[in-house]
Protein backbone atom coordinates (compact mmCIF):
# COMPACT_ATOMS: atom_id res chain seq x y z
CA MET A 1 -25.63 -4.42 12.40
CA SER A 2 -24.43 -8.13 12.08
CA ASP A 3 -25.15 -7.98 8.28
CA LEU A 4 -22.22 -5.47 7.88
CA PRO A 5 -19.03 -6.78 7.01
CA GLY A 6 -16.72 -7.21 9.92
CA ILE A 7 -13.15 -5.65 9.73
CA VAL A 8 -10.01 -6.50 11.54
CA ILE A 9 -7.18 -3.82 11.65
CA ALA A 10 -3.64 -5.08 11.76
CA GLY A 11 -0.89 -2.88 13.39
CA ALA A 12 -3.44 -1.10 15.40
CA SER A 13 -1.15 0.97 17.60
CA GLY A 14 0.52 2.48 14.52
CA ARG A 15 -0.39 5.86 13.10
CA MET A 16 -1.90 4.29 10.07
CA GLY A 17 -3.63 1.70 12.16
CA GLN A 18 -5.27 4.15 14.35
CA MET A 19 -6.32 6.13 11.33
CA LEU A 20 -7.83 2.88 9.92
CA ILE A 21 -9.69 2.15 13.12
CA GLU A 22 -11.02 5.69 13.36
CA SER A 23 -12.20 5.47 9.73
CA VAL A 24 -13.94 2.01 10.10
CA LEU A 25 -15.91 3.57 13.14
CA LYS A 26 -17.09 6.33 11.08
CA ASP A 27 -18.29 4.33 8.29
CA ASP A 28 -21.89 2.79 8.36
CA ARG A 29 -21.00 0.26 5.89
CA MET A 30 -18.91 -1.83 8.04
CA ARG A 31 -18.07 -2.83 11.76
CA LEU A 32 -14.89 -3.19 13.65
CA VAL A 33 -14.67 -6.76 14.98
CA GLY A 34 -10.88 -6.82 16.08
CA ALA A 35 -7.49 -5.29 16.16
CA LEU A 36 -4.07 -6.84 15.97
CA ASP A 37 -0.65 -5.98 17.15
CA ARG A 38 2.66 -7.54 17.72
CA PRO A 39 3.19 -9.99 20.69
CA GLY A 40 4.43 -8.04 23.81
CA HIS A 41 2.94 -4.72 22.89
CA ASP A 42 1.25 -3.14 25.75
CA TRP A 43 -2.04 -2.76 23.83
CA ILE A 44 -2.56 -6.57 23.91
CA GLY A 45 -5.63 -7.68 25.65
CA ARG A 46 -6.94 -4.04 26.28
CA ASP A 47 -10.12 -2.64 24.55
CA VAL A 48 -8.84 -0.67 21.47
CA GLY A 49 -10.93 2.32 22.28
CA GLU A 50 -9.33 2.72 25.64
CA ALA A 51 -5.99 2.00 24.24
CA MET A 52 -6.36 4.86 21.87
CA GLY A 53 -7.17 7.21 24.76
CA GLY A 54 -10.98 7.10 24.18
CA GLN A 55 -14.14 5.40 25.42
CA PRO A 56 -14.28 1.53 25.27
CA LEU A 57 -15.50 0.04 22.03
CA GLY A 58 -16.09 -3.57 23.11
CA VAL A 59 -13.32 -4.58 20.65
CA MET A 60 -10.03 -6.12 21.94
CA VAL A 61 -6.52 -6.02 20.72
CA TYR A 62 -5.07 -9.47 20.03
CA ASP A 63 -1.76 -10.76 19.27
CA ASP A 64 -3.04 -13.88 17.87
CA PRO A 65 -5.14 -13.39 14.73
CA LEU A 66 -7.19 -16.63 14.92
CA GLU A 67 -9.95 -15.43 17.12
CA PRO A 68 -10.89 -11.90 15.51
CA MET A 69 -10.31 -13.42 12.00
CA ALA A 70 -13.10 -16.00 12.76
CA LYS A 71 -15.60 -13.03 12.98
CA ALA A 72 -14.04 -11.02 10.06
CA GLN A 73 -14.88 -10.59 6.46
CA ALA A 74 -11.71 -8.61 5.73
CA VAL A 75 -8.54 -7.58 7.35
CA ILE A 76 -6.71 -4.37 6.52
CA ASP A 77 -2.92 -4.66 6.86
CA PHE A 78 -0.34 -1.80 6.83
CA THR A 79 2.32 -3.69 8.76
CA ALA A 80 5.56 -5.18 7.78
CA PRO A 81 6.44 -7.98 4.99
CA GLU A 82 6.96 -10.95 7.41
CA ALA A 83 3.75 -10.04 9.40
CA THR A 84 1.77 -9.57 6.15
CA ILE A 85 2.78 -13.12 4.82
CA ALA A 86 1.90 -14.72 8.13
CA LEU A 87 -1.51 -13.01 8.21
CA SER A 88 -2.32 -13.96 4.65
CA LYS A 89 -2.46 -17.72 5.68
CA ILE A 90 -4.81 -16.80 8.30
CA ALA A 91 -7.15 -14.71 6.19
CA ALA A 92 -7.09 -17.52 3.57
CA GLN A 93 -8.28 -19.95 6.18
CA ALA A 94 -11.23 -17.55 7.25
CA ARG A 95 -12.01 -17.00 3.50
CA ALA A 96 -11.59 -13.19 4.30
CA ALA A 97 -10.40 -10.51 1.98
CA HIS A 98 -6.91 -9.35 2.74
CA ILE A 99 -6.24 -5.67 1.91
CA ILE A 100 -2.51 -5.16 2.01
CA GLY A 101 -1.00 -1.63 1.94
CA THR A 102 2.35 -3.14 3.29
CA THR A 103 5.27 -1.70 1.35
CA GLY A 104 8.89 -2.86 1.05
CA MET A 105 7.96 -6.44 0.08
CA SER A 106 10.44 -8.32 -2.18
CA ASP A 107 9.55 -10.20 -5.24
CA ASP A 108 9.92 -13.51 -3.32
CA GLN A 109 7.69 -12.21 -0.54
CA ILE A 110 5.09 -11.26 -2.93
CA ALA A 111 5.20 -14.60 -4.42
CA GLU A 112 4.40 -16.29 -0.97
CA LEU A 113 1.13 -14.54 -1.09
CA GLU A 114 0.11 -16.70 -3.96
CA PRO A 115 -1.13 -19.78 -1.92
CA ALA A 116 -3.37 -17.66 0.13
CA ALA A 117 -4.84 -15.93 -3.06
CA ARG A 118 -6.13 -19.28 -3.99
CA HIS A 119 -8.57 -19.18 -1.26
CA SER A 120 -9.45 -15.65 -0.72
CA PRO A 121 -9.29 -12.27 -2.42
CA ILE A 122 -6.12 -10.24 -1.75
CA VAL A 123 -6.05 -6.59 -2.80
CA ARG A 124 -2.41 -5.38 -2.57
CA ALA A 125 -1.37 -1.80 -3.63
CA GLY A 126 1.79 0.34 -2.87
CA ASN A 127 -0.66 3.20 -2.74
CA MET A 128 -4.44 3.18 -2.28
CA SER A 129 -5.20 6.78 -3.38
CA LEU A 130 -7.26 7.57 -6.39
CA GLY A 131 -4.88 10.35 -7.37
CA VAL A 132 -1.75 8.08 -7.20
CA ASN A 133 -3.27 5.44 -9.34
CA LEU A 134 -4.32 8.04 -11.85
CA LEU A 135 -0.59 8.99 -11.79
CA VAL A 136 0.53 5.46 -12.48
CA GLN A 137 -1.75 5.33 -15.48
CA LEU A 138 -0.52 8.65 -16.88
CA THR A 139 3.06 7.74 -16.14
CA LYS A 140 2.74 4.59 -18.16
CA GLN A 141 1.08 6.62 -21.13
CA VAL A 142 3.77 9.30 -21.24
CA ALA A 143 6.52 6.74 -21.12
CA ALA A 144 5.04 5.02 -24.08
CA ALA A 145 4.79 8.21 -26.01
CA LEU A 146 8.41 9.28 -25.37
CA ASP A 147 11.78 7.56 -26.51
CA GLU A 148 14.85 7.11 -24.52
CA ASP A 149 16.00 10.78 -25.39
CA PHE A 150 14.01 11.59 -22.31
CA ASP A 151 15.32 10.53 -19.08
CA ILE A 152 12.79 9.23 -16.44
CA GLU A 153 13.30 9.99 -12.73
CA VAL A 154 11.04 9.07 -10.07
CA ILE A 155 11.32 11.46 -7.07
CA GLU A 156 9.57 10.68 -3.67
CA GLY A 157 9.44 12.11 -0.25
CA HIS A 158 8.15 10.67 3.12
CA HIS A 159 8.24 11.43 6.71
CA HIS A 160 11.59 10.58 8.63
CA HIS A 161 10.17 7.51 10.27
CA LYS A 162 9.69 5.64 6.94
CA VAL A 163 11.97 2.65 6.86
CA ASP A 164 11.82 1.44 3.22
CA ALA A 165 13.23 3.17 0.15
CA PRO A 166 12.17 3.89 -2.52
CA SER A 167 8.62 3.85 -1.32
CA GLY A 168 6.08 1.26 -2.67
CA THR A 169 4.43 3.92 -4.71
CA ALA A 170 7.76 5.08 -6.22
CA LEU A 171 8.34 1.54 -7.45
CA MET A 172 4.62 1.31 -8.75
CA LEU A 173 5.55 4.47 -10.79
CA GLY A 174 8.93 2.96 -11.94
CA GLU A 175 7.04 -0.09 -12.99
CA ALA A 176 4.56 1.88 -14.91
CA ALA A 177 7.24 3.84 -16.69
CA ALA A 178 9.06 0.54 -17.58
CA GLU A 179 5.89 -1.03 -18.75
CA GLY A 180 5.18 1.91 -20.99
CA ARG A 181 8.60 1.73 -22.45
CA GLY A 182 8.35 -2.14 -22.78
CA VAL A 183 11.36 -2.85 -20.66
CA ASP A 184 12.11 -4.70 -17.52
CA LEU A 185 12.57 -2.26 -14.51
CA ALA A 186 15.09 -4.46 -12.77
CA LYS A 187 17.37 -4.05 -15.78
CA VAL A 188 17.19 -0.25 -16.08
CA ARG A 189 16.71 0.78 -12.53
CA ASP A 190 19.25 3.48 -11.35
CA ALA A 191 19.13 4.08 -7.62
CA ALA A 192 21.39 5.11 -4.44
CA ARG A 193 23.68 7.30 -6.44
CA ASP A 194 26.74 8.40 -4.32
CA GLY A 195 30.36 9.40 -5.28
CA ILE A 196 31.73 9.45 -8.83
CA THR A 197 29.10 7.44 -10.50
CA GLY A 198 29.67 8.32 -14.07
CA ALA A 199 27.24 9.50 -16.70
CA ARG A 200 23.62 8.42 -16.55
CA ASN A 201 23.04 5.39 -18.94
CA ARG A 202 20.47 6.05 -21.71
CA GLY A 203 17.22 4.59 -20.96
CA ASP A 204 17.65 4.04 -17.18
CA ILE A 205 14.83 4.77 -14.92
CA GLY A 206 16.15 6.64 -11.83
CA PHE A 207 14.90 6.95 -8.19
CA SER A 208 15.45 9.91 -5.84
CA VAL A 209 14.48 9.59 -2.35
CA ILE A 210 13.73 12.33 0.29
CA ARG A 211 13.20 11.52 3.94
CA GLY A 212 12.20 14.36 6.27
CA GLY A 213 9.85 15.92 8.99
CA ASP A 214 6.21 14.84 8.59
CA ILE A 215 5.83 14.48 4.77
CA VAL A 216 2.78 12.23 4.31
CA GLY A 217 3.87 11.39 0.71
CA GLU A 218 4.98 13.23 -2.36
CA HIS A 219 5.72 11.50 -5.71
CA GLU A 220 6.97 13.16 -8.90
CA VAL A 221 7.86 11.59 -12.28
CA LEU A 222 10.11 13.72 -14.35
CA PHE A 223 10.69 13.20 -17.89
CA ALA A 224 13.77 15.27 -18.80
CA GLY A 225 14.53 15.81 -22.65
CA ALA A 226 16.93 18.21 -24.27
CA GLY A 227 15.38 21.65 -23.94
CA GLU A 228 12.11 20.44 -22.19
CA ARG A 229 10.75 18.69 -19.25
CA ILE A 230 7.47 17.09 -18.42
CA VAL A 231 6.53 16.64 -14.72
CA LEU A 232 3.74 14.48 -13.25
CA LYS A 233 3.27 14.96 -9.54
CA HIS A 234 1.00 13.94 -6.76
CA MET A 235 1.05 15.29 -3.11
CA ALA A 236 -0.74 13.81 -0.28
CA THR A 237 -1.38 16.09 2.70
CA ASP A 238 -3.54 13.72 4.84
CA ARG A 239 -3.01 9.97 5.33
CA ALA A 240 -6.78 9.66 5.76
CA LEU A 241 -6.93 9.35 1.95
CA PHE A 242 -4.93 5.87 2.11
CA ALA A 243 -7.53 4.71 4.85
CA LYS A 244 -10.24 5.73 2.63
CA GLY A 245 -9.03 3.76 -0.26
CA ALA A 246 -8.22 0.71 1.96
CA LEU A 247 -11.88 0.75 3.15
CA ARG A 248 -13.18 0.98 -0.30
CA ALA A 249 -11.02 -2.00 -1.34
CA ALA A 250 -12.31 -4.00 1.62
CA LEU A 251 -15.90 -3.35 0.53
CA TRP A 252 -15.15 -3.97 -3.11
CA ALA A 253 -13.54 -7.36 -2.20
CA GLN A 254 -16.70 -8.67 -0.48
CA ASP A 255 -18.05 -10.48 -3.54
CA LYS A 256 -14.98 -11.18 -5.44
CA ALA A 257 -13.37 -14.58 -6.28
CA PRO A 258 -10.07 -15.58 -4.84
CA GLY A 259 -7.24 -14.01 -6.64
CA GLN A 260 -4.76 -11.18 -6.51
CA TYR A 261 -6.14 -7.62 -7.18
CA ASP A 262 -4.94 -3.94 -6.95
CA MET A 263 -6.29 -0.59 -6.59
CA LEU A 264 -6.82 -0.36 -10.53
CA ASP A 265 -9.32 -3.24 -10.23
CA VAL A 266 -10.96 -1.59 -7.34
CA LEU A 267 -11.25 1.72 -9.04
CA GLY A 268 -12.44 0.12 -12.34
CA MET A 269 -9.06 1.58 -14.05
CA ARG A 270 -7.87 -1.74 -15.30
CA GLY A 271 -6.89 -1.67 -18.98
């Protein structure tokens, strides 16, 4: 049992955190060694099984990552940018893989992960599903094949609790489209339209955002030309697929050198 990689789950009380805990407990290739939550949360100091309304698991919820990370080979983190940056430093000290599903990170915040990546592997992805990563590759290929006569619009929908927009996955898709066209997304990104905006600029990559209900995740890339449209779409109906991808990443990273990776590396789709 002790030979199995030990996993710590950050953001344990959240919906994704609880899904990750349940997924680790069902997986016979790993073991749960700790759970983390923000200081002051009422789960702190409790057995995580009891906190989730079940039987005790012998695994505590901590607000300080030092103790659980000392027993861990990987930490899975779907939290917030500031928390992720802080946790990356502890994971680096522990030489544990840091699996990051946190979205809404700025370029400057992503750059702050680099020192940690010199000491431990980091797998960071805006979306950890196989289908979405296939969609990213297809988006890049289609964008490369079509010229600016085709407008590109990334359309995404999530539940009404999501706090960042566009989603990390939508930005992944926008980056893929920009890479396919050989342009810098920052220079062609068109978002937050409201009022009299004027005509769309040729070559812009647009973003449209939907927030409502319990939508798990829907992403569509529209290539709209004169007289024809090409639509690439992925719909997630169960967030368990994100947990499955994160666990796969945690196992994959066990024998990897320090550095920054993404799900294309994990899935063998790099290239």
